[in-house]
N, C-alpha and C. Protein backbone atom coordinates (compact mmCIF):
# COMPACT_ATOMS: atom_id res chain seq x y z
N MET A 1 0.84 -1.16 0.00
CA MET A 1 0.00 0.00 0.00
C MET A 1 0.89 1.23 0.00
N LYS A 2 0.43 2.22 -0.67
CA LYS A 2 1.18 3.47 -0.75
C LYS A 2 0.79 4.38 0.40
N GLU A 3 -0.50 4.65 0.51
CA GLU A 3 -1.00 5.53 1.56
C GLU A 3 -2.48 5.22 1.75
N SER A 4 -2.94 5.26 3.00
CA SER A 4 -4.35 5.00 3.30
C SER A 4 -4.79 5.94 4.41
N THR A 5 -6.05 6.38 4.33
CA THR A 5 -6.61 7.30 5.32
C THR A 5 -8.04 6.90 5.62
N PHE A 6 -8.42 6.95 6.90
CA PHE A 6 -9.80 6.69 7.29
C PHE A 6 -10.57 8.00 7.24
N LEU A 7 -11.64 8.03 6.44
CA LEU A 7 -12.47 9.23 6.26
C LEU A 7 -13.92 8.88 6.54
N GLY A 8 -14.44 9.29 7.68
CA GLY A 8 -15.83 9.05 8.02
C GLY A 8 -16.12 7.59 8.24
N ASP A 9 -16.67 6.91 7.22
CA ASP A 9 -17.02 5.50 7.34
C ASP A 9 -16.25 4.62 6.36
N ARG A 10 -15.16 5.14 5.79
CA ARG A 10 -14.43 4.33 4.80
C ARG A 10 -12.93 4.62 4.85
N LEU A 11 -12.19 3.61 4.41
CA LEU A 11 -10.75 3.75 4.28
C LEU A 11 -10.45 3.93 2.80
N VAL A 12 -9.74 4.99 2.46
CA VAL A 12 -9.36 5.25 1.08
C VAL A 12 -7.84 5.21 0.98
N GLY A 13 -7.35 4.74 -0.16
CA GLY A 13 -5.91 4.65 -0.31
C GLY A 13 -5.51 4.21 -1.70
N GLU A 14 -4.25 3.80 -1.81
CA GLU A 14 -3.71 3.34 -3.08
C GLU A 14 -2.98 2.02 -2.87
N PHE A 15 -3.34 1.04 -3.67
CA PHE A 15 -2.64 -0.24 -3.74
C PHE A 15 -1.49 -0.05 -4.72
N VAL A 16 -0.29 -0.50 -4.33
CA VAL A 16 0.88 -0.40 -5.21
C VAL A 16 1.33 -1.81 -5.55
N ASN A 17 1.44 -2.08 -6.83
CA ASN A 17 1.95 -3.37 -7.27
C ASN A 17 3.47 -3.32 -7.18
N ASP A 18 4.02 -3.93 -6.13
CA ASP A 18 5.47 -3.90 -5.95
C ASP A 18 6.14 -5.17 -6.47
N SER A 19 5.40 -5.95 -7.27
CA SER A 19 5.99 -7.14 -7.88
C SER A 19 6.57 -6.79 -9.26
N GLU A 20 7.16 -7.77 -9.91
CA GLU A 20 7.75 -7.55 -11.22
C GLU A 20 6.84 -7.99 -12.36
N VAL A 21 5.60 -8.37 -12.04
CA VAL A 21 4.64 -8.81 -13.05
C VAL A 21 3.35 -8.02 -12.90
N THR A 22 2.56 -7.97 -13.96
CA THR A 22 1.26 -7.31 -13.91
C THR A 22 0.31 -8.14 -13.05
N VAL A 23 -0.41 -7.47 -12.16
CA VAL A 23 -1.41 -8.11 -11.30
C VAL A 23 -2.77 -7.84 -11.90
N THR A 24 -3.57 -8.90 -12.05
CA THR A 24 -4.92 -8.73 -12.57
C THR A 24 -5.92 -9.04 -11.47
N GLY A 25 -7.15 -8.70 -11.71
CA GLY A 25 -8.13 -8.79 -10.65
C GLY A 25 -9.31 -9.66 -10.97
N PRO A 26 -10.25 -9.48 -10.07
CA PRO A 26 -10.34 -8.30 -9.22
C PRO A 26 -9.23 -8.26 -8.17
N ILE A 27 -8.73 -7.06 -7.90
CA ILE A 27 -7.69 -6.87 -6.89
C ILE A 27 -8.40 -6.59 -5.57
N ASP A 28 -8.23 -7.50 -4.63
CA ASP A 28 -8.94 -7.51 -3.35
C ASP A 28 -8.16 -6.73 -2.29
N ILE A 29 -8.87 -5.91 -1.52
CA ILE A 29 -8.27 -5.17 -0.41
C ILE A 29 -8.94 -5.62 0.89
N SER A 30 -8.14 -6.00 1.88
CA SER A 30 -8.65 -6.41 3.19
C SER A 30 -8.13 -5.43 4.24
N VAL A 31 -9.02 -5.01 5.14
CA VAL A 31 -8.66 -4.04 6.18
C VAL A 31 -9.09 -4.59 7.54
N VAL A 32 -8.20 -4.48 8.52
CA VAL A 32 -8.51 -4.83 9.91
C VAL A 32 -8.37 -3.56 10.73
N CYS A 33 -9.44 -3.20 11.47
CA CYS A 33 -9.41 -2.02 12.35
C CYS A 33 -8.99 -2.45 13.75
N LEU A 34 -8.16 -1.63 14.37
CA LEU A 34 -7.62 -1.94 15.70
C LEU A 34 -7.88 -0.78 16.65
N ASP A 35 -8.04 -1.10 17.94
CA ASP A 35 -8.11 -0.03 18.92
C ASP A 35 -6.69 0.37 19.30
N SER A 36 -6.53 1.30 20.23
CA SER A 36 -5.19 1.82 20.55
C SER A 36 -4.29 0.77 21.21
N SER A 37 -4.88 -0.31 21.78
CA SER A 37 -4.05 -1.37 22.37
C SER A 37 -3.76 -2.50 21.39
N GLY A 38 -4.31 -2.42 20.16
CA GLY A 38 -4.06 -3.44 19.16
C GLY A 38 -5.13 -4.50 19.05
N ALA A 39 -6.20 -4.39 19.86
CA ALA A 39 -7.30 -5.35 19.77
C ALA A 39 -8.12 -5.08 18.51
N ILE A 40 -8.60 -6.14 17.89
CA ILE A 40 -9.36 -6.03 16.65
C ILE A 40 -10.77 -5.52 16.93
N LEU A 41 -11.15 -4.45 16.22
CA LEU A 41 -12.50 -3.89 16.32
C LEU A 41 -13.42 -4.40 15.22
N GLY A 42 -12.85 -4.73 14.08
CA GLY A 42 -13.64 -5.19 12.95
C GLY A 42 -12.78 -5.32 11.71
N ASN A 43 -13.38 -5.86 10.66
CA ASN A 43 -12.67 -5.98 9.40
C ASN A 43 -13.65 -5.79 8.25
N ALA A 44 -13.11 -5.48 7.09
CA ALA A 44 -13.93 -5.28 5.89
C ALA A 44 -13.07 -5.55 4.67
N ARG A 45 -13.77 -5.82 3.55
CA ARG A 45 -13.08 -6.06 2.29
C ARG A 45 -13.68 -5.20 1.20
N GLY A 46 -12.86 -4.92 0.20
CA GLY A 46 -13.31 -4.17 -0.96
C GLY A 46 -12.38 -4.47 -2.12
N PHE A 47 -12.50 -3.66 -3.17
CA PHE A 47 -11.71 -3.89 -4.38
C PHE A 47 -11.15 -2.57 -4.87
N THR A 48 -10.08 -2.67 -5.66
CA THR A 48 -9.51 -1.48 -6.27
C THR A 48 -10.44 -0.98 -7.38
N ASP A 49 -10.20 0.25 -7.82
CA ASP A 49 -11.01 0.84 -8.89
C ASP A 49 -10.69 0.25 -10.25
N LYS A 50 -9.54 -0.39 -10.39
CA LYS A 50 -9.13 -1.02 -11.65
C LYS A 50 -8.89 -2.51 -11.42
N ASP A 51 -9.01 -3.29 -12.47
CA ASP A 51 -8.78 -4.73 -12.37
C ASP A 51 -7.40 -5.16 -12.83
N GLU A 52 -6.50 -4.19 -13.00
CA GLU A 52 -5.15 -4.53 -13.44
C GLU A 52 -4.18 -3.47 -12.92
N ALA A 53 -2.98 -3.93 -12.53
CA ALA A 53 -1.93 -3.01 -12.08
C ALA A 53 -0.60 -3.51 -12.61
N ALA A 54 0.06 -2.70 -13.42
CA ALA A 54 1.38 -3.03 -13.95
C ALA A 54 2.42 -2.90 -12.84
N PRO A 55 3.60 -3.48 -13.01
CA PRO A 55 4.64 -3.35 -12.00
C PRO A 55 4.90 -1.87 -11.64
N GLY A 56 4.86 -1.54 -10.36
CA GLY A 56 5.08 -0.18 -9.89
C GLY A 56 3.86 0.72 -9.96
N GLU A 57 2.77 0.26 -10.56
CA GLU A 57 1.58 1.11 -10.70
C GLU A 57 0.77 1.19 -9.40
N SER A 58 0.21 2.37 -9.14
CA SER A 58 -0.69 2.60 -8.00
C SER A 58 -2.14 2.59 -8.49
N VAL A 59 -3.01 1.92 -7.73
CA VAL A 59 -4.42 1.82 -8.09
C VAL A 59 -5.25 2.23 -6.88
N PRO A 60 -6.17 3.20 -7.02
CA PRO A 60 -6.96 3.66 -5.88
C PRO A 60 -7.99 2.62 -5.42
N PHE A 61 -8.34 2.70 -4.13
CA PHE A 61 -9.38 1.84 -3.57
C PHE A 61 -10.10 2.59 -2.45
N GLN A 62 -11.27 2.07 -2.09
CA GLN A 62 -11.93 2.49 -0.87
C GLN A 62 -12.70 1.30 -0.32
N VAL A 63 -12.67 1.15 1.01
CA VAL A 63 -13.36 0.08 1.70
C VAL A 63 -14.27 0.74 2.73
N THR A 64 -15.56 0.45 2.65
CA THR A 64 -16.54 1.08 3.54
C THR A 64 -16.79 0.21 4.77
N PHE A 65 -16.88 0.87 5.94
CA PHE A 65 -17.21 0.20 7.20
C PHE A 65 -18.60 0.62 7.63
N TYR A 66 -19.37 -0.37 8.05
CA TYR A 66 -20.73 -0.10 8.51
C TYR A 66 -20.80 -0.34 10.01
N GLY A 67 -21.65 0.37 10.70
CA GLY A 67 -21.82 0.16 12.13
C GLY A 67 -21.04 1.11 13.01
N GLY A 68 -20.48 2.15 12.45
CA GLY A 68 -19.84 3.19 13.27
C GLY A 68 -18.48 2.84 13.83
N ILE A 69 -17.74 1.97 13.19
CA ILE A 69 -16.39 1.64 13.68
C ILE A 69 -15.46 2.81 13.42
N ASP A 70 -14.72 3.20 14.46
CA ASP A 70 -13.68 4.23 14.31
C ASP A 70 -12.39 3.50 13.93
N CYS A 71 -12.03 3.59 12.68
CA CYS A 71 -10.90 2.83 12.16
C CYS A 71 -9.69 3.72 11.95
N THR A 72 -9.27 4.43 13.00
CA THR A 72 -8.11 5.31 12.87
C THR A 72 -6.80 4.52 12.95
N ASN A 73 -6.84 3.31 13.51
CA ASN A 73 -5.68 2.41 13.53
C ASN A 73 -6.06 1.18 12.70
N PHE A 74 -5.25 0.86 11.71
CA PHE A 74 -5.65 -0.22 10.80
C PHE A 74 -4.45 -0.90 10.15
N LEU A 75 -4.71 -2.10 9.64
CA LEU A 75 -3.78 -2.85 8.80
C LEU A 75 -4.47 -3.07 7.47
N VAL A 76 -3.72 -2.95 6.37
CA VAL A 76 -4.29 -3.11 5.04
C VAL A 76 -3.45 -4.11 4.25
N ALA A 77 -4.12 -4.99 3.51
CA ALA A 77 -3.43 -5.93 2.63
C ALA A 77 -4.17 -5.98 1.30
N GLY A 78 -3.44 -6.18 0.24
CA GLY A 78 -4.05 -6.29 -1.09
C GLY A 78 -3.52 -7.51 -1.80
N ARG A 79 -4.37 -8.07 -2.69
CA ARG A 79 -3.90 -9.22 -3.47
C ARG A 79 -4.62 -9.25 -4.81
N GLY A 80 -3.93 -9.79 -5.76
CA GLY A 80 -4.48 -9.99 -7.10
C GLY A 80 -3.86 -11.25 -7.67
N TYR A 81 -3.93 -11.39 -8.95
CA TYR A 81 -3.45 -12.60 -9.62
C TYR A 81 -2.45 -12.24 -10.71
N SER A 82 -1.54 -13.15 -10.98
CA SER A 82 -0.66 -13.01 -12.13
C SER A 82 -0.63 -14.36 -12.85
N PHE A 83 -0.86 -14.32 -14.13
CA PHE A 83 -0.91 -15.56 -14.92
C PHE A 83 0.18 -15.56 -15.96
């Protein structure tokens, strides 16, 4: 991930393909929200805005959280496919 920010009820950011091959999708984004002590508050999944990312390319995403979770502390992971 390049950069991610929690805005209201969603996490927005950029997935960066740091591999040497093109990644195709759908490119899945997983987010885990944590409290200040590191305990898990919730998780959510979403997808990037594009279904393909060339090596070094950044692709925007947003993942929406429902139920009022304050996700100011989080971990983000992304995955796609290469054939």
